[in-house]
Amino acid sequence: MKVTSEGCLYASLASEPTRGLVPPRSAIRAFIIIIAAGVALLMISSGTVAHAQSLRQGVSAFNRQDYQQASQIFIPLAEQGNAAAQAYLGFLFETGRGLPQNYTEAAMWYRRAAEQGDSLAQYSLGLLYDRGQGAPRDIVEASKWLNLSTAGAPRRAREARARIRDAVTTKMTRGEIARARLRALEWAPSREH
């Protein structure tokens, strides 16, 4: 063995046999853990990239008005918990574009995205509750979701959403308004996966 100027030991292949240079088990375990963590990180990051790429492909198909192709891309993503895909899928079911029109399915997908904090899904779900389409007519739930949607809306959409929220509020009693506001205050987003 030789010591380098930095104080590190290394085996001189010319002067000593290699049979005594087997690393200890703890070093092997540490190496395996590091490799496994790296592989896991690579799998997660490549899955995220593939997920994002698929979502972009779905949005691209949607923008081309190829709703059937968009729905085929959005369905597996939505089932995996992707809130944006769930919101798009809700819209496709609500409007009957690329899929049979089904308000119950639309409400279910909007709710899944809304629960994760997607403000457009919250807005759409609020409207479905207000109209009683796909969900029982519930003015308090409608107002709750419209309140949350308005609070989370991009600046350019906030005023328009506030007008719709306020129009729904005119149909409510003070007690209903208070209950809707309380529900909105108590709400917190939750991720599916």
N, C-alpha and C. Protein backbone atom coordinates (compact mmCIF):
# COMPACT_ATOMS: atom_id res chain seq x y z
N MET A 1 0.85 -1.18 0.00
CA MET A 1 0.00 0.00 0.00
C MET A 1 0.89 1.23 0.00
N LYS A 2 0.39 2.27 -0.63
CA LYS A 2 1.11 3.53 -0.66
C LYS A 2 0.19 4.64 -0.19
N VAL A 3 0.74 5.66 0.41
CA VAL A 3 -0.01 6.81 0.84
C VAL A 3 0.32 7.96 -0.09
N THR A 4 -0.75 8.61 -0.64
CA THR A 4 -0.54 9.74 -1.55
C THR A 4 -0.29 10.99 -0.72
N SER A 5 0.05 12.08 -1.41
CA SER A 5 0.31 13.34 -0.71
C SER A 5 -0.93 13.85 0.01
N GLU A 6 -2.14 13.44 -0.45
CA GLU A 6 -3.38 13.86 0.22
C GLU A 6 -3.70 12.97 1.41
N GLY A 7 -2.93 11.95 1.66
CA GLY A 7 -3.17 11.07 2.79
C GLY A 7 -4.09 9.91 2.47
N CYS A 8 -4.41 9.66 1.20
CA CYS A 8 -5.29 8.58 0.82
C CYS A 8 -4.48 7.32 0.53
N LEU A 9 -5.03 6.20 0.93
CA LEU A 9 -4.39 4.92 0.66
C LEU A 9 -4.89 4.39 -0.67
N TYR A 10 -4.01 3.76 -1.40
CA TYR A 10 -4.46 3.04 -2.58
C TYR A 10 -3.57 1.84 -2.77
N ALA A 11 -4.10 0.84 -3.42
CA ALA A 11 -3.33 -0.38 -3.62
C ALA A 11 -2.47 -0.23 -4.86
N SER A 12 -1.24 -0.58 -4.72
CA SER A 12 -0.35 -0.60 -5.86
C SER A 12 -0.48 -1.97 -6.50
N LEU A 13 -1.09 -2.01 -7.66
CA LEU A 13 -1.34 -3.28 -8.32
C LEU A 13 -0.05 -4.03 -8.59
N ALA A 14 1.03 -3.31 -8.75
CA ALA A 14 2.30 -3.98 -9.05
C ALA A 14 2.91 -4.61 -7.81
N SER A 15 2.67 -4.06 -6.64
CA SER A 15 3.38 -4.54 -5.46
C SER A 15 2.56 -5.43 -4.55
N GLU A 16 1.19 -5.40 -4.61
CA GLU A 16 0.40 -6.20 -3.68
C GLU A 16 -0.69 -6.95 -4.43
N PRO A 17 -1.05 -8.14 -3.93
CA PRO A 17 -2.15 -8.87 -4.55
C PRO A 17 -3.48 -8.18 -4.27
N THR A 18 -4.48 -8.44 -5.09
CA THR A 18 -5.78 -7.75 -4.97
C THR A 18 -6.78 -8.49 -4.11
N ARG A 19 -6.47 -9.69 -3.62
CA ARG A 19 -7.45 -10.47 -2.88
C ARG A 19 -7.88 -9.81 -1.58
N GLY A 20 -7.12 -8.93 -1.01
CA GLY A 20 -7.49 -8.26 0.22
C GLY A 20 -8.20 -6.94 0.01
N LEU A 21 -8.56 -6.61 -1.21
CA LEU A 21 -9.15 -5.31 -1.51
C LEU A 21 -10.66 -5.36 -1.70
N VAL A 22 -11.33 -6.37 -1.17
CA VAL A 22 -12.78 -6.46 -1.26
C VAL A 22 -13.37 -5.43 -0.30
N PRO A 23 -14.26 -4.54 -0.79
CA PRO A 23 -14.84 -3.52 0.09
C PRO A 23 -15.72 -4.14 1.16
N PRO A 24 -15.84 -3.51 2.31
CA PRO A 24 -16.70 -4.04 3.37
C PRO A 24 -18.17 -4.02 2.93
N ARG A 25 -18.99 -4.86 3.60
CA ARG A 25 -20.41 -4.97 3.24
C ARG A 25 -21.14 -3.64 3.34
N SER A 26 -20.81 -2.83 4.31
CA SER A 26 -21.48 -1.54 4.46
C SER A 26 -21.23 -0.65 3.25
N ALA A 27 -20.04 -0.72 2.67
CA ALA A 27 -19.74 0.07 1.48
C ALA A 27 -20.54 -0.44 0.29
N ILE A 28 -20.67 -1.76 0.19
CA ILE A 28 -21.45 -2.35 -0.91
C ILE A 28 -22.91 -1.94 -0.77
N ARG A 29 -23.45 -2.04 0.48
CA ARG A 29 -24.84 -1.64 0.71
C ARG A 29 -25.06 -0.17 0.36
N ALA A 30 -24.15 0.67 0.77
CA ALA A 30 -24.26 2.11 0.48
C ALA A 30 -24.24 2.34 -1.03
N PHE A 31 -23.38 1.63 -1.73
CA PHE A 31 -23.29 1.78 -3.18
C PHE A 31 -24.60 1.36 -3.84
N ILE A 32 -25.17 0.23 -3.38
CA ILE A 32 -26.43 -0.27 -3.94
C ILE A 32 -27.56 0.73 -3.66
N ILE A 33 -27.60 1.29 -2.48
CA ILE A 33 -28.63 2.27 -2.14
C ILE A 33 -28.51 3.50 -3.03
N ILE A 34 -27.29 3.96 -3.24
CA ILE A 34 -27.08 5.14 -4.09
C ILE A 34 -27.52 4.85 -5.52
N ILE A 35 -27.16 3.67 -6.04
CA ILE A 35 -27.56 3.31 -7.40
C ILE A 35 -29.09 3.19 -7.48
N ALA A 36 -29.70 2.54 -6.51
CA ALA A 36 -31.16 2.39 -6.51
C ALA A 36 -31.85 3.74 -6.45
N ALA A 37 -31.34 4.64 -5.62
CA ALA A 37 -31.93 5.98 -5.53
C ALA A 37 -31.79 6.71 -6.86
N GLY A 38 -30.66 6.58 -7.49
CA GLY A 38 -30.46 7.22 -8.80
C GLY A 38 -31.40 6.68 -9.85
N VAL A 39 -31.56 5.35 -9.87
CA VAL A 39 -32.48 4.74 -10.83
C VAL A 39 -33.91 5.21 -10.56
N ALA A 40 -34.30 5.23 -9.27
CA ALA A 40 -35.65 5.68 -8.92
C ALA A 40 -35.87 7.12 -9.34
N LEU A 41 -34.90 7.97 -9.09
CA LEU A 41 -35.01 9.38 -9.47
C LEU A 41 -35.12 9.52 -10.98
N LEU A 42 -34.35 8.74 -11.70
CA LEU A 42 -34.40 8.77 -13.16
C LEU A 42 -35.77 8.32 -13.65
N MET A 43 -36.32 7.27 -13.03
CA MET A 43 -37.64 6.79 -13.44
C MET A 43 -38.71 7.83 -13.15
N ILE A 44 -38.63 8.45 -11.99
CA ILE A 44 -39.63 9.47 -11.62
C ILE A 44 -39.54 10.65 -12.56
N SER A 45 -38.32 11.14 -12.81
CA SER A 45 -38.18 12.33 -13.66
C SER A 45 -38.56 12.02 -15.10
N SER A 46 -38.24 10.83 -15.60
CA SER A 46 -38.62 10.52 -16.97
C SER A 46 -40.13 10.33 -17.07
N GLY A 47 -40.75 9.80 -16.01
CA GLY A 47 -42.21 9.67 -15.99
C GLY A 47 -42.88 11.03 -15.99
N THR A 48 -42.32 11.98 -15.23
CA THR A 48 -42.86 13.33 -15.18
C THR A 48 -42.73 14.01 -16.54
N VAL A 49 -41.59 13.82 -17.18
CA VAL A 49 -41.38 14.40 -18.51
C VAL A 49 -42.37 13.78 -19.49
N ALA A 50 -42.52 12.45 -19.44
CA ALA A 50 -43.46 11.79 -20.34
C ALA A 50 -44.88 12.25 -20.05
N HIS A 51 -45.21 12.41 -18.77
CA HIS A 51 -46.52 12.88 -18.36
C HIS A 51 -46.79 14.27 -18.93
N ALA A 52 -45.81 15.17 -18.79
CA ALA A 52 -45.96 16.54 -19.29
C ALA A 52 -46.06 16.54 -20.81
N GLN A 53 -45.25 15.70 -21.46
CA GLN A 53 -45.29 15.64 -22.91
C GLN A 53 -46.65 15.13 -23.38
N SER A 54 -47.20 14.11 -22.70
CA SER A 54 -48.51 13.59 -23.06
C SER A 54 -49.59 14.66 -22.88
N LEU A 55 -49.51 15.40 -21.76
CA LEU A 55 -50.48 16.46 -21.53
C LEU A 55 -50.39 17.50 -22.65
N ARG A 56 -49.18 17.87 -23.02
CA ARG A 56 -49.01 18.82 -24.13
C ARG A 56 -49.62 18.27 -25.42
N GLN A 57 -49.44 16.98 -25.66
CA GLN A 57 -50.03 16.38 -26.86
C GLN A 57 -51.55 16.43 -26.80
N GLY A 58 -52.11 16.19 -25.63
CA GLY A 58 -53.56 16.26 -25.46
C GLY A 58 -54.09 17.67 -25.68
N VAL A 59 -53.38 18.65 -25.13
CA VAL A 59 -53.79 20.05 -25.31
C VAL A 59 -53.66 20.45 -26.77
N SER A 60 -52.61 19.97 -27.41
CA SER A 60 -52.43 20.26 -28.83
C SER A 60 -53.58 19.68 -29.66
N ALA A 61 -53.95 18.45 -29.38
CA ALA A 61 -55.09 17.83 -30.08
C ALA A 61 -56.38 18.60 -29.79
N PHE A 62 -56.56 19.01 -28.54
CA PHE A 62 -57.73 19.80 -28.15
C PHE A 62 -57.77 21.11 -28.94
N ASN A 63 -56.63 21.80 -29.01
CA ASN A 63 -56.57 23.08 -29.74
C ASN A 63 -56.80 22.90 -31.24
N ARG A 64 -56.46 21.73 -31.79
CA ARG A 64 -56.72 21.43 -33.20
C ARG A 64 -58.17 20.99 -33.41
N GLN A 65 -58.92 20.92 -32.30
CA GLN A 65 -60.31 20.45 -32.28
C GLN A 65 -60.42 18.97 -32.63
N ASP A 66 -59.34 18.22 -32.39
CA ASP A 66 -59.37 16.77 -32.53
C ASP A 66 -59.71 16.21 -31.15
N TYR A 67 -60.98 16.37 -30.78
CA TYR A 67 -61.43 16.06 -29.43
C TYR A 67 -61.37 14.57 -29.11
N GLN A 68 -61.57 13.74 -30.11
CA GLN A 68 -61.49 12.30 -29.85
C GLN A 68 -60.05 11.91 -29.48
N GLN A 69 -59.08 12.42 -30.22
CA GLN A 69 -57.67 12.15 -29.91
C GLN A 69 -57.32 12.75 -28.54
N ALA A 70 -57.79 13.94 -28.28
CA ALA A 70 -57.52 14.59 -26.99
C ALA A 70 -58.07 13.75 -25.85
N SER A 71 -59.29 13.24 -26.01
CA SER A 71 -59.88 12.44 -24.93
C SER A 71 -59.08 11.16 -24.70
N GLN A 72 -58.58 10.55 -25.76
CA GLN A 72 -57.78 9.33 -25.62
C GLN A 72 -56.48 9.61 -24.86
N ILE A 73 -55.94 10.80 -25.00
CA ILE A 73 -54.72 11.17 -24.28
C ILE A 73 -55.05 11.56 -22.85
N PHE A 74 -56.14 12.31 -22.66
CA PHE A 74 -56.49 12.80 -21.32
C PHE A 74 -56.97 11.70 -20.37
N ILE A 75 -57.68 10.70 -20.86
CA ILE A 75 -58.27 9.70 -19.97
C ILE A 75 -57.23 9.02 -19.08
N PRO A 76 -56.15 8.44 -19.63
CA PRO A 76 -55.19 7.79 -18.72
C PRO A 76 -54.50 8.78 -17.77
N LEU A 77 -54.24 9.99 -18.26
CA LEU A 77 -53.62 10.99 -17.39
C LEU A 77 -54.57 11.38 -16.25
N ALA A 78 -55.84 11.55 -16.59
CA ALA A 78 -56.83 11.92 -15.58
C ALA A 78 -56.98 10.80 -14.55
N GLU A 79 -56.99 9.57 -15.01
CA GLU A 79 -57.10 8.44 -14.09
C GLU A 79 -55.90 8.36 -13.16
N GLN A 80 -54.75 8.86 -13.61
CA GLN A 80 -53.53 8.87 -12.78
C GLN A 80 -53.50 10.06 -11.84
N GLY A 81 -54.51 10.94 -11.91
CA GLY A 81 -54.59 12.05 -10.97
C GLY A 81 -54.13 13.39 -11.50
N ASN A 82 -53.88 13.52 -12.79
CA ASN A 82 -53.45 14.79 -13.36
C ASN A 82 -54.65 15.76 -13.40
N ALA A 83 -54.57 16.82 -12.61
CA ALA A 83 -55.70 17.75 -12.47
C ALA A 83 -56.04 18.46 -13.78
N ALA A 84 -55.03 18.86 -14.54
CA ALA A 84 -55.31 19.55 -15.80
C ALA A 84 -56.04 18.61 -16.77
N ALA A 85 -55.58 17.36 -16.87
CA ALA A 85 -56.25 16.39 -17.74
C ALA A 85 -57.68 16.14 -17.26
N GLN A 86 -57.87 16.10 -15.94
CA GLN A 86 -59.22 15.90 -15.40
C GLN A 86 -60.13 17.06 -15.77
N ALA A 87 -59.62 18.28 -15.71
CA ALA A 87 -60.43 19.45 -16.07
C ALA A 87 -60.79 19.42 -17.55
N TYR A 88 -59.82 19.10 -18.40
CA TYR A 88 -60.10 19.00 -19.83
C TYR A 88 -61.13 17.90 -20.09
N LEU A 89 -60.98 16.77 -19.43
CA LEU A 89 -61.91 15.66 -19.61
C LEU A 89 -63.31 16.05 -19.16
N GLY A 90 -63.39 16.78 -18.05
CA GLY A 90 -64.70 17.28 -17.61
C GLY A 90 -65.36 18.13 -18.68
N PHE A 91 -64.57 19.01 -19.30
CA PHE A 91 -65.11 19.86 -20.36
C PHE A 91 -65.59 19.02 -21.55
N LEU A 92 -64.79 18.01 -21.93
CA LEU A 92 -65.17 17.18 -23.07
C LEU A 92 -66.48 16.44 -22.79
N PHE A 93 -66.64 15.93 -21.57
CA PHE A 93 -67.91 15.27 -21.21
C PHE A 93 -69.05 16.28 -21.13
N GLU A 94 -68.80 17.44 -20.59
CA GLU A 94 -69.86 18.45 -20.46
C GLU A 94 -70.38 18.88 -21.82
N THR A 95 -69.48 19.08 -22.76
CA THR A 95 -69.88 19.60 -24.07
C THR A 95 -70.15 18.52 -25.12
N GLY A 96 -69.81 17.26 -24.80
CA GLY A 96 -70.02 16.19 -25.77
C GLY A 96 -69.06 16.25 -26.93
N ARG A 97 -67.88 16.76 -26.71
CA ARG A 97 -66.87 16.84 -27.77
C ARG A 97 -65.89 15.68 -27.61
N GLY A 98 -65.87 14.79 -28.59
CA GLY A 98 -64.98 13.65 -28.57
C GLY A 98 -65.46 12.52 -27.68
N LEU A 99 -66.45 12.78 -26.87
CA LEU A 99 -67.05 11.80 -25.96
C LEU A 99 -68.55 12.06 -25.92
N PRO A 100 -69.34 11.05 -25.56
CA PRO A 100 -70.78 11.32 -25.42
C PRO A 100 -71.01 12.33 -24.29
N GLN A 101 -71.92 13.26 -24.50
CA GLN A 101 -72.22 14.25 -23.47
C GLN A 101 -72.76 13.55 -22.24
N ASN A 102 -72.15 13.84 -21.09
CA ASN A 102 -72.55 13.18 -19.85
C ASN A 102 -72.20 14.13 -18.70
N TYR A 103 -73.21 14.80 -18.17
CA TYR A 103 -72.98 15.78 -17.11
C TYR A 103 -72.49 15.14 -15.81
N THR A 104 -72.94 13.92 -15.56
CA THR A 104 -72.49 13.23 -14.34
C THR A 104 -70.99 12.96 -14.41
N GLU A 105 -70.52 12.48 -15.55
CA GLU A 105 -69.07 12.26 -15.73
C GLU A 105 -68.32 13.59 -15.68
N ALA A 106 -68.89 14.61 -16.30
CA ALA A 106 -68.25 15.94 -16.29
C ALA A 106 -68.09 16.41 -14.85
N ALA A 107 -69.15 16.30 -14.05
CA ALA A 107 -69.09 16.75 -12.65
C ALA A 107 -68.05 15.96 -11.87
N MET A 108 -67.99 14.65 -12.13
CA MET A 108 -67.03 13.82 -11.41
C MET A 108 -65.59 14.24 -11.74
N TRP A 109 -65.28 14.47 -13.01
CA TRP A 109 -63.91 14.86 -13.39
C TRP A 109 -63.60 16.28 -12.92
N TYR A 110 -64.57 17.17 -13.05
CA TYR A 110 -64.36 18.53 -12.53
C TYR A 110 -64.09 18.50 -11.02
N ARG A 111 -64.85 17.68 -10.30
CA ARG A 111 -64.67 17.60 -8.84
C ARG A 111 -63.27 17.11 -8.50
N ARG A 112 -62.80 16.07 -9.20
CA ARG A 112 -61.46 15.54 -8.92
C ARG A 112 -60.39 16.61 -9.15
N ALA A 113 -60.53 17.38 -10.22
CA ALA A 113 -59.56 18.45 -10.49
C ALA A 113 -59.75 19.61 -9.52
N ALA A 114 -61.00 19.93 -9.22
CA ALA A 114 -61.29 21.04 -8.29
C ALA A 114 -60.73 20.76 -6.91
N GLU A 115 -60.86 19.53 -6.45
CA GLU A 115 -60.33 19.17 -5.13
C GLU A 115 -58.82 19.33 -5.06
N GLN A 116 -58.16 19.27 -6.21
CA GLN A 116 -56.71 19.46 -6.26
C GLN A 116 -56.33 20.93 -6.44
N GLY A 117 -57.32 21.80 -6.56
CA GLY A 117 -57.05 23.22 -6.63
C GLY A 117 -57.10 23.84 -8.02
N ASP A 118 -57.56 23.11 -9.02
CA ASP A 118 -57.66 23.65 -10.38
C ASP A 118 -58.81 24.65 -10.43
N SER A 119 -58.48 25.94 -10.60
CA SER A 119 -59.50 26.98 -10.49
C SER A 119 -60.53 26.94 -11.62
N LEU A 120 -60.14 26.53 -12.81
CA LEU A 120 -61.11 26.43 -13.91
C LEU A 120 -62.09 25.29 -13.65
N ALA A 121 -61.60 24.18 -13.11
CA ALA A 121 -62.49 23.07 -12.75
C ALA A 121 -63.42 23.49 -11.62
N GLN A 122 -62.92 24.27 -10.68
CA GLN A 122 -63.76 24.78 -9.59
C GLN A 122 -64.89 25.63 -10.16
N TYR A 123 -64.56 26.48 -11.11
CA TYR A 123 -65.55 27.35 -11.75
C TYR A 123 -66.62 26.51 -12.46
N SER A 124 -66.15 25.54 -13.26
CA SER A 124 -67.09 24.70 -14.02
C SER A 124 -67.96 23.86 -13.10
N LEU A 125 -67.37 23.32 -12.04
CA LEU A 125 -68.14 22.54 -11.08
C LEU A 125 -69.18 23.41 -10.39
N GLY A 126 -68.81 24.63 -10.04
CA GLY A 126 -69.76 25.55 -9.43
C GLY A 126 -70.96 25.81 -10.34
N LEU A 127 -70.69 25.97 -11.63
CA LEU A 127 -71.79 26.19 -12.58
C LEU A 127 -72.69 24.97 -12.69
N LEU A 128 -72.09 23.76 -12.66
CA LEU A 128 -72.91 22.55 -12.72
C LEU A 128 -73.80 22.43 -11.49
N TYR A 129 -73.26 22.76 -10.31
CA TYR A 129 -74.09 22.75 -9.09
C TYR A 129 -75.20 23.79 -9.19
N ASP A 130 -74.90 24.95 -9.73
CA ASP A 130 -75.91 26.00 -9.86
C ASP A 130 -77.06 25.55 -10.77
N ARG A 131 -76.72 24.87 -11.86
CA ARG A 131 -77.74 24.43 -12.82
C ARG A 131 -78.33 23.07 -12.48
N GLY A 132 -77.70 22.34 -11.56
CA GLY A 132 -78.18 21.00 -11.23
C GLY A 132 -77.90 20.01 -12.35
N GLN A 133 -76.80 20.18 -13.04
CA GLN A 133 -76.43 19.27 -14.13
C GLN A 133 -75.28 18.37 -13.67
N GLY A 134 -75.54 17.07 -13.63
CA GLY A 134 -74.51 16.12 -13.24
C GLY A 134 -74.33 16.01 -11.74
N ALA A 135 -74.97 16.88 -11.01
CA ALA A 135 -74.93 16.89 -9.54
C ALA A 135 -76.25 17.52 -9.09
N PRO A 136 -76.69 17.20 -7.90
CA PRO A 136 -77.93 17.83 -7.43
C PRO A 136 -77.78 19.34 -7.36
N ARG A 137 -78.83 20.06 -7.67
CA ARG A 137 -78.77 21.52 -7.58
C ARG A 137 -78.51 21.90 -6.13
N ASP A 138 -77.39 22.59 -5.90
CA ASP A 138 -76.98 22.95 -4.54
C ASP A 138 -76.33 24.32 -4.62
N ILE A 139 -77.08 25.34 -4.30
CA ILE A 139 -76.62 26.71 -4.42
C ILE A 139 -75.45 27.01 -3.48
N VAL A 140 -75.42 26.36 -2.31
CA VAL A 140 -74.33 26.58 -1.36
C VAL A 140 -73.03 26.00 -1.92
N GLU A 141 -73.08 24.77 -2.46
CA GLU A 141 -71.89 24.17 -3.07
C GLU A 141 -71.47 24.98 -4.31
N ALA A 142 -72.45 25.43 -5.07
CA ALA A 142 -72.12 26.25 -6.25
C ALA A 142 -71.35 27.49 -5.82
N SER A 143 -71.85 28.17 -4.82
CA SER A 143 -71.21 29.39 -4.35
C SER A 143 -69.82 29.10 -3.77
N LYS A 144 -69.70 28.01 -3.02
CA LYS A 144 -68.39 27.63 -2.47
C LYS A 144 -67.37 27.50 -3.58
N TRP A 145 -67.69 26.70 -4.61
CA TRP A 145 -66.73 26.46 -5.69
C TRP A 145 -66.48 27.74 -6.50
N LEU A 146 -67.51 28.56 -6.69
CA LEU A 146 -67.31 29.81 -7.42
C LEU A 146 -66.46 30.79 -6.61
N ASN A 147 -66.62 30.79 -5.30
CA ASN A 147 -65.75 31.62 -4.44
C ASN A 147 -64.29 31.19 -4.57
N LEU A 148 -64.06 29.88 -4.46
CA LEU A 148 -62.70 29.36 -4.57
C LEU A 148 -62.11 29.64 -5.95
N SER A 149 -62.94 29.47 -6.97
CA SER A 149 -62.48 29.71 -8.33
C SER A 149 -62.09 31.17 -8.55
N THR A 150 -62.90 32.06 -8.03
CA THR A 150 -62.61 33.49 -8.18
C THR A 150 -61.32 33.86 -7.46
N ALA A 151 -61.15 33.32 -6.25
CA ALA A 151 -59.94 33.62 -5.48
C ALA A 151 -58.68 33.09 -6.17
N GLY A 152 -58.80 31.94 -6.86
CA GLY A 152 -57.63 31.35 -7.51
C GLY A 152 -57.49 31.66 -8.98
N ALA A 153 -58.35 32.52 -9.49
CA ALA A 153 -58.36 32.81 -10.93
C ALA A 153 -57.18 33.68 -11.34
N PRO A 154 -56.71 33.48 -12.57
CA PRO A 154 -55.72 34.42 -13.10
C PRO A 154 -56.34 35.82 -13.15
N ARG A 155 -55.53 36.82 -13.05
CA ARG A 155 -56.02 38.21 -12.98
C ARG A 155 -57.01 38.54 -14.09
N ARG A 156 -56.71 38.11 -15.31
CA ARG A 156 -57.58 38.47 -16.45
C ARG A 156 -58.95 37.81 -16.39
N ALA A 157 -59.09 36.71 -15.63
CA ALA A 157 -60.38 36.01 -15.54
C ALA A 157 -61.12 36.33 -14.25
N ARG A 158 -60.45 36.94 -13.31
CA ARG A 158 -61.02 37.15 -11.97
C ARG A 158 -62.31 37.97 -11.99
N GLU A 159 -62.32 39.04 -12.75
CA GLU A 159 -63.51 39.92 -12.77
C GLU A 159 -64.73 39.21 -13.34
N ALA A 160 -64.54 38.47 -14.43
CA ALA A 160 -65.65 37.75 -15.04
C ALA A 160 -66.19 36.67 -14.10
N ARG A 161 -65.29 35.96 -13.44
CA ARG A 161 -65.73 34.93 -12.49
C ARG A 161 -66.44 35.55 -11.29
N ALA A 162 -65.97 36.70 -10.85
CA ALA A 162 -66.61 37.39 -9.72
C ALA A 162 -68.04 37.78 -10.09
N ARG A 163 -68.26 38.22 -11.34
CA ARG A 163 -69.62 38.58 -11.76
C ARG A 163 -70.55 37.37 -11.72
N ILE A 164 -70.07 36.23 -12.19
CA ILE A 164 -70.89 35.01 -12.16
C ILE A 164 -71.15 34.59 -10.71
N ARG A 165 -70.10 34.62 -9.88
CA ARG A 165 -70.25 34.28 -8.46
C ARG A 165 -71.29 35.19 -7.81
N ASP A 166 -71.19 36.48 -8.09
CA ASP A 166 -72.13 37.44 -7.49
C ASP A 166 -73.55 37.23 -7.99
N ALA A 167 -73.70 36.82 -9.25
CA ALA A 167 -75.03 36.54 -9.79
C ALA A 167 -75.65 35.34 -9.08
N VAL A 168 -74.85 34.33 -8.80
CA VAL A 168 -75.34 33.17 -8.06
C VAL A 168 -75.71 33.58 -6.64
N THR A 169 -74.90 34.44 -6.04
CA THR A 169 -75.12 34.89 -4.66
C THR A 169 -76.47 35.61 -4.52
N THR A 170 -76.93 36.29 -5.58
CA THR A 170 -78.21 37.01 -5.49
C THR A 170 -79.39 36.07 -5.29
N LYS A 171 -79.21 34.78 -5.58
CA LYS A 171 -80.27 33.79 -5.42
C LYS A 171 -80.26 33.15 -4.03
N MET A 172 -79.35 33.61 -3.17
CA MET A 172 -79.13 32.93 -1.88
C MET A 172 -79.61 33.77 -0.70
N THR A 173 -79.96 33.05 0.37
CA THR A 173 -80.27 33.75 1.62
C THR A 173 -78.94 34.09 2.32
N ARG A 174 -79.02 34.93 3.36
CA ARG A 174 -77.81 35.26 4.13
C ARG A 174 -77.19 34.03 4.78
N GLY A 175 -78.05 33.15 5.25
CA GLY A 175 -77.56 31.91 5.86
C GLY A 175 -76.81 31.03 4.87
N GLU A 176 -77.35 30.93 3.66
CA GLU A 176 -76.69 30.14 2.62
C GLU A 176 -75.35 30.76 2.23
N ILE A 177 -75.34 32.08 2.13
CA ILE A 177 -74.08 32.77 1.80
C ILE A 177 -73.03 32.50 2.88
N ALA A 178 -73.45 32.58 4.12
CA ALA A 178 -72.53 32.33 5.24
C ALA A 178 -72.00 30.89 5.20
N ARG A 179 -72.90 29.92 4.93
CA ARG A 179 -72.46 28.52 4.87
C ARG A 179 -71.49 28.30 3.71
N ALA A 180 -71.77 28.91 2.56
CA ALA A 180 -70.88 28.76 1.39
C ALA A 180 -69.51 29.35 1.68
N ARG A 181 -69.48 30.52 2.31
CA ARG A 181 -68.19 31.15 2.64
C ARG A 181 -67.42 30.32 3.66
N LEU A 182 -68.12 29.77 4.62
CA LEU A 182 -67.46 28.93 5.63
C LEU A 182 -66.87 27.69 4.98
N ARG A 183 -67.64 27.05 4.09
CA ARG A 183 -67.13 25.86 3.38
C ARG A 183 -65.89 26.21 2.57
N ALA A 184 -65.91 27.37 1.92
CA ALA A 184 -64.75 27.78 1.12
C ALA A 184 -63.55 28.04 2.01
N LEU A 185 -63.78 28.65 3.17
CA LEU A 185 -62.67 28.91 4.09
C LEU A 185 -62.09 27.63 4.67
N GLU A 186 -62.94 26.63 4.90
CA GLU A 186 -62.48 25.37 5.47
C GLU A 186 -61.83 24.44 4.44
N TRP A 187 -62.04 24.72 3.17
CA TRP A 187 -61.54 23.84 2.10
C TRP A 187 -60.02 23.95 1.99
N ALA A 188 -59.39 22.84 1.69
CA ALA A 188 -57.95 22.81 1.41
C ALA A 188 -57.73 21.83 0.26
N PRO A 189 -56.84 22.16 -0.67
CA PRO A 189 -56.60 21.25 -1.80
C PRO A 189 -55.95 19.95 -1.32
N SER A 190 -56.22 18.89 -2.07
CA SER A 190 -55.61 17.60 -1.75
C SER A 190 -55.22 16.92 -3.07
N ARG A 191 -54.00 16.43 -3.10
CA ARG A 191 -53.48 15.71 -4.29
C ARG A 191 -53.96 14.28 -4.26
N GLU A 192 -54.21 13.74 -5.46
CA GLU A 192 -54.69 12.36 -5.54
C GLU A 192 -53.56 11.37 -5.36
N HIS A 193 -52.39 11.67 -5.93
CA HIS A 193 -51.30 10.69 -5.87
C HIS A 193 -50.04 11.34 -5.40
